[in-house]
Amino acid sequence: DTKHFSDYELVVRVWNPINNWYQPREKLFLLFLLIVDNVQQDFHQHILVKVAN
């Protein structure tokens, strides 16, 4: 779904690649996307690892 993909791109952009962490609110938003959209499961796993690290 193009709309969902755009939402994921937004989350990736707010992620800070230098410090490798998310703001708590952004992390909650990311986890929300992981729950509500089970289409991009491979992408989910990749981003979930990013959050865990």
PDB file of N, CA and C in Angstrom:
ATOM      1  N   ASP A   1       0.854  -1.196   0.000  1.00  0.00           N
ATOM      2  CA  ASP A   1       0.000   0.000   0.000  1.00  0.00           C
ATOM      3  C   ASP A   1       0.886   1.242   0.000  1.00  0.00           C
ATOM      4  N   THR A   2       0.647   2.130  -0.919  1.00  0.00           N
ATOM      5  CA  THR A   2       1.489   3.318  -1.054  1.00  0.00           C
ATOM      6  C   THR A   2       1.401   4.208   0.174  1.00  0.00           C
ATOM      7  N   LYS A   3       0.204   4.354   0.729  1.00  0.00           N
ATOM      8  CA  LYS A   3       0.024   5.212   1.893  1.00  0.00           C
ATOM      9  C   LYS A   3       0.839   4.678   3.078  1.00  0.00           C
ATOM     10  N   HIS A   4       0.752   3.383   3.317  1.00  0.00           N
ATOM     11  CA  HIS A   4       1.494   2.786   4.416  1.00  0.00           C
ATOM     12  C   HIS A   4       2.998   2.938   4.199  1.00  0.00           C
ATOM     13  N   PHE A   5       3.422   2.731   2.970  1.00  0.00           N
ATOM     14  CA  PHE A   5       4.843   2.870   2.665  1.00  0.00           C
ATOM     15  C   PHE A   5       5.315   4.288   2.962  1.00  0.00           C
ATOM     16  N   SER A   6       4.493   5.274   2.637  1.00  0.00           N
ATOM     17  CA  SER A   6       4.850   6.659   2.929  1.00  0.00           C
ATOM     18  C   SER A   6       4.969   6.878   4.434  1.00  0.00           C
ATOM     19  N   ASP A   7       4.077   6.266   5.206  1.00  0.00           N
ATOM     20  CA  ASP A   7       4.138   6.371   6.664  1.00  0.00           C
ATOM     21  C   ASP A   7       5.450   5.785   7.184  1.00  0.00           C
ATOM     22  N   TYR A   8       5.857   4.659   6.643  1.00  0.00           N
ATOM     23  CA  TYR A   8       7.113   4.052   7.066  1.00  0.00           C
ATOM     24  C   TYR A   8       8.295   4.959   6.729  1.00  0.00           C
ATOM     25  N   GLU A   9       8.263   5.549   5.558  1.00  0.00           N
ATOM     26  CA  GLU A   9       9.350   6.456   5.183  1.00  0.00           C
ATOM     27  C   GLU A   9       9.461   7.605   6.171  1.00  0.00           C
ATOM     28  N   LEU A  10       8.328   8.097   6.638  1.00  0.00           N
ATOM     29  CA  LEU A  10       8.332   9.180   7.617  1.00  0.00           C
ATOM     30  C   LEU A  10       9.038   8.740   8.896  1.00  0.00           C
ATOM     31  N   VAL A  11       8.758   7.538   9.343  1.00  0.00           N
ATOM     32  CA  VAL A  11       9.385   7.015  10.552  1.00  0.00           C
ATOM     33  C   VAL A  11      10.894   6.867  10.350  1.00  0.00           C
ATOM     34  N   VAL A  12      11.284   6.382   9.210  1.00  0.00           N
ATOM     35  CA  VAL A  12      12.710   6.214   8.923  1.00  0.00           C
ATOM     36  C   VAL A  12      13.418   7.568   8.923  1.00  0.00           C
ATOM     37  N   ARG A  13      12.744   8.587   8.429  1.00  0.00           N
ATOM     38  CA  ARG A  13      13.367   9.908   8.382  1.00  0.00           C
ATOM     39  C   ARG A  13      13.560  10.496   9.778  1.00  0.00           C
ATOM     40  N   VAL A  14      12.622  10.260  10.677  1.00  0.00           N
ATOM     41  CA  VAL A  14      12.756  10.828  12.018  1.00  0.00           C
ATOM     42  C   VAL A  14      13.789  10.070  12.846  1.00  0.00           C
ATOM     43  N   TRP A  15      14.133   8.852  12.433  1.00  0.00           N
ATOM     44  CA  TRP A  15      15.167   8.092  13.122  1.00  0.00           C
ATOM     45  C   TRP A  15      16.506   8.822  12.975  1.00  0.00           C
ATOM     46  N   ASN A  16      17.267   8.912  14.067  1.00  0.00           N
ATOM     47  CA  ASN A  16      18.551   9.603  14.045  1.00  0.00           C
ATOM     48  C   ASN A  16      19.667   8.592  13.758  1.00  0.00           C
ATOM     49  N   PRO A  17      20.169   8.523  12.525  1.00  0.00           N
ATOM     50  CA  PRO A  17      21.176   7.517  12.178  1.00  0.00           C
ATOM     51  C   PRO A  17      22.527   7.763  12.852  1.00  0.00           C
ATOM     52  N   ILE A  18      22.752   8.977  13.320  1.00  0.00           N
ATOM     53  CA  ILE A  18      24.029   9.294  13.966  1.00  0.00           C
ATOM     54  C   ILE A  18      24.075   8.717  15.382  1.00  0.00           C
ATOM     55  N   ASN A  19      23.017   8.952  16.138  1.00  0.00           N
ATOM     56  CA  ASN A  19      22.965   8.464  17.517  1.00  0.00           C
ATOM     57  C   ASN A  19      22.272   7.114  17.638  1.00  0.00           C
ATOM     58  N   ASN A  20      21.596   6.695  16.544  1.00  0.00           N
ATOM     59  CA  ASN A  20      20.966   5.377  16.484  1.00  0.00           C
ATOM     60  C   ASN A  20      19.911   5.190  17.574  1.00  0.00           C
ATOM     61  N   TRP A  21      18.959   6.118  17.662  1.00  0.00           N
ATOM     62  CA  TRP A  21      17.866   5.995  18.628  1.00  0.00           C
ATOM     63  C   TRP A  21      16.671   6.808  18.157  1.00  0.00           C
ATOM     64  N   TYR A  22      15.518   6.478  18.706  1.00  0.00           N
ATOM     65  CA  TYR A  22      14.281   7.193  18.399  1.00  0.00           C
ATOM     66  C   TYR A  22      13.821   7.982  19.618  1.00  0.00           C
ATOM     67  N   GLN A  23      13.122   9.079  19.379  1.00  0.00           N
ATOM     68  CA  GLN A  23      12.412   9.736  20.467  1.00  0.00           C
ATOM     69  C   GLN A  23      11.315   8.785  20.949  1.00  0.00           C
ATOM     70  N   PRO A  24      10.992   8.775  22.261  1.00  0.00           N
ATOM     71  CA  PRO A  24       9.982   7.849  22.781  1.00  0.00           C
ATOM     72  C   PRO A  24       8.665   7.919  22.015  1.00  0.00           C
ATOM     73  N   ARG A  25       8.202   9.130  21.719  1.00  0.00           N
ATOM     74  CA  ARG A  25       6.941   9.280  20.989  1.00  0.00           C
ATOM     75  C   ARG A  25       7.054   8.659  19.600  1.00  0.00           C
ATOM     76  N   GLU A  26       8.190   8.855  18.948  1.00  0.00           N
ATOM     77  CA  GLU A  26       8.390   8.299  17.619  1.00  0.00           C
ATOM     78  C   GLU A  26       8.474   6.779  17.677  1.00  0.00           C
ATOM     79  N   LYS A  27       9.063   6.264  18.751  1.00  0.00           N
ATOM     80  CA  LYS A  27       9.150   4.808  18.902  1.00  0.00           C
ATOM     81  C   LYS A  27       7.754   4.215  19.063  1.00  0.00           C
ATOM     82  N   LEU A  28       6.921   4.875  19.861  1.00  0.00           N
ATOM     83  CA  LEU A  28       5.554   4.394  20.034  1.00  0.00           C
ATOM     84  C   LEU A  28       4.806   4.415  18.707  1.00  0.00           C
ATOM     85  N   PHE A  29       5.009   5.475  17.932  1.00  0.00           N
ATOM     86  CA  PHE A  29       4.375   5.568  16.620  1.00  0.00           C
ATOM     87  C   PHE A  29       4.857   4.439  15.718  1.00  0.00           C
ATOM     88  N   LEU A  30       6.138   4.138  15.780  1.00  0.00           N
ATOM     89  CA  LEU A  30       6.694   3.054  14.976  1.00  0.00           C
ATOM     90  C   LEU A  30       6.084   1.716  15.380  1.00  0.00           C
ATOM     91  N   LEU A  31       6.019   1.454  16.684  1.00  0.00           N
ATOM     92  CA  LEU A  31       5.430   0.207  17.157  1.00  0.00           C
ATOM     93  C   LEU A  31       3.966   0.111  16.752  1.00  0.00           C
ATOM     94  N   PHE A  32       3.276   1.261  16.751  1.00  0.00           N
ATOM     95  CA  PHE A  32       1.890   1.288  16.292  1.00  0.00           C
ATOM     96  C   PHE A  32       1.798   0.841  14.836  1.00  0.00           C
ATOM     97  N   LEU A  33       2.707   1.320  14.014  1.00  0.00           N
ATOM     98  CA  LEU A  33       2.716   0.911  12.608  1.00  0.00           C
ATOM     99  C   LEU A  33       3.001  -0.583  12.488  1.00  0.00           C
ATOM    100  N   LEU A  34       3.879  -1.087  13.324  1.00  0.00           N
ATOM    101  CA  LEU A  34       4.195  -2.515  13.281  1.00  0.00           C
ATOM    102  C   LEU A  34       2.964  -3.350  13.604  1.00  0.00           C
ATOM    103  N   ILE A  35       2.113  -2.833  14.500  1.00  0.00           N
ATOM    104  CA  ILE A  35       0.934  -3.584  14.915  1.00  0.00           C
ATOM    105  C   ILE A  35      -0.179  -3.516  13.871  1.00  0.00           C
ATOM    106  N   VAL A  36      -0.455  -2.299  13.375  1.00  0.00           N
ATOM    107  CA  VAL A  36      -1.633  -2.113  12.530  1.00  0.00           C
ATOM    108  C   VAL A  36      -1.417  -2.574  11.093  1.00  0.00           C
ATOM    109  N   ASP A  37      -0.187  -2.665  10.630  1.00  0.00           N
ATOM    110  CA  ASP A  37       0.067  -3.032   9.240  1.00  0.00           C
ATOM    111  C   ASP A  37       0.941  -4.277   9.199  1.00  0.00           C
ATOM    112  N   ASN A  38       0.350  -5.409   8.817  1.00  0.00           N
ATOM    113  CA  ASN A  38       1.099  -6.670   8.790  1.00  0.00           C
ATOM    114  C   ASN A  38       1.386  -7.105   7.358  1.00  0.00           C
ATOM    115  N   VAL A  39       1.500  -6.133   6.451  1.00  0.00           N
ATOM    116  CA  VAL A  39       1.782  -6.447   5.055  1.00  0.00           C
ATOM    117  C   VAL A  39       3.288  -6.475   4.807  1.00  0.00           C
ATOM    118  N   GLN A  40       3.978  -5.444   5.296  1.00  0.00           N
ATOM    119  CA  GLN A  40       5.422  -5.329   5.070  1.00  0.00           C
ATOM    120  C   GLN A  40       6.175  -6.012   6.215  1.00  0.00           C
ATOM    121  N   GLN A  41       5.977  -7.297   6.392  1.00  0.00           N
ATOM    122  CA  GLN A  41       6.509  -7.976   7.577  1.00  0.00           C
ATOM    123  C   GLN A  41       8.036  -8.006   7.593  1.00  0.00           C
ATOM    124  N   ASP A  42       8.653  -8.194   6.438  1.00  0.00           N
ATOM    125  CA  ASP A  42      10.116  -8.190   6.386  1.00  0.00           C
ATOM    126  C   ASP A  42      10.660  -6.838   6.817  1.00  0.00           C
ATOM    127  N   PHE A  43       9.991  -5.782   6.355  1.00  0.00           N
ATOM    128  CA  PHE A  43      10.400  -4.430   6.737  1.00  0.00           C
ATOM    129  C   PHE A  43      10.178  -4.215   8.226  1.00  0.00           C
ATOM    130  N   HIS A  44       9.091  -4.765   8.750  1.00  0.00           N
ATOM    131  CA  HIS A  44       8.802  -4.665  10.183  1.00  0.00           C
ATOM    132  C   HIS A  44       9.964  -5.224  10.995  1.00  0.00           C
ATOM    133  N   GLN A  45      10.403  -6.420  10.648  1.00  0.00           N
ATOM    134  CA  GLN A  45      11.470  -7.078  11.395  1.00  0.00           C
ATOM    135  C   GLN A  45      12.750  -6.242  11.350  1.00  0.00           C
ATOM    136  N   HIS A  46      13.051  -5.686  10.198  1.00  0.00           N
ATOM    137  CA  HIS A  46      14.264  -4.873  10.046  1.00  0.00           C
ATOM    138  C   HIS A  46      14.212  -3.651  10.961  1.00  0.00           C
ATOM    139  N   ILE A  47      13.083  -2.942  10.958  1.00  0.00           N
ATOM    140  CA  ILE A  47      12.954  -1.732  11.765  1.00  0.00           C
ATOM    141  C   ILE A  47      12.875  -2.082  13.249  1.00  0.00           C
ATOM    142  N   LEU A  48      12.232  -3.190  13.582  1.00  0.00           N
ATOM    143  CA  LEU A  48      12.112  -3.598  14.979  1.00  0.00           C
ATOM    144  C   LEU A  48      13.499  -3.828  15.579  1.00  0.00           C
ATOM    145  N   VAL A  49      14.391  -4.408  14.800  1.00  0.00           N
ATOM    146  CA  VAL A  49      15.771  -4.602  15.249  1.00  0.00           C
ATOM    147  C   VAL A  49      16.442  -3.253  15.482  1.00  0.00           C
ATOM    148  N   LYS A  50      16.185  -2.301  14.594  1.00  0.00           N
ATOM    149  CA  LYS A  50      16.752  -0.964  14.753  1.00  0.00           C
ATOM    150  C   LYS A  50      16.315  -0.359  16.086  1.00  0.00           C
ATOM    151  N   VAL A  51      15.048  -0.521  16.425  1.00  0.00           N
ATOM    152  CA  VAL A  51      14.527   0.043  17.668  1.00  0.00           C
ATOM    153  C   VAL A  51      15.135  -0.664  18.873  1.00  0.00           C
ATOM    154  N   ALA A  52      15.220  -1.986  18.798  1.00  0.00           N
ATOM    155  CA  ALA A  52      15.750  -2.765  19.913  1.00  0.00           C
ATOM    156  C   ALA A  52      17.213  -2.403  20.178  1.00  0.00           C
ATOM    157  N   ASN A  53      17.963  -2.155  19.112  1.00  0.00           N
ATOM    158  CA  ASN A  53      19.360  -1.785  19.281  1.00  0.00           C
ATOM    159  C   ASN A  53      19.474  -0.347  19.752  1.00  0.00           C
TER     160      ASN A  53
END
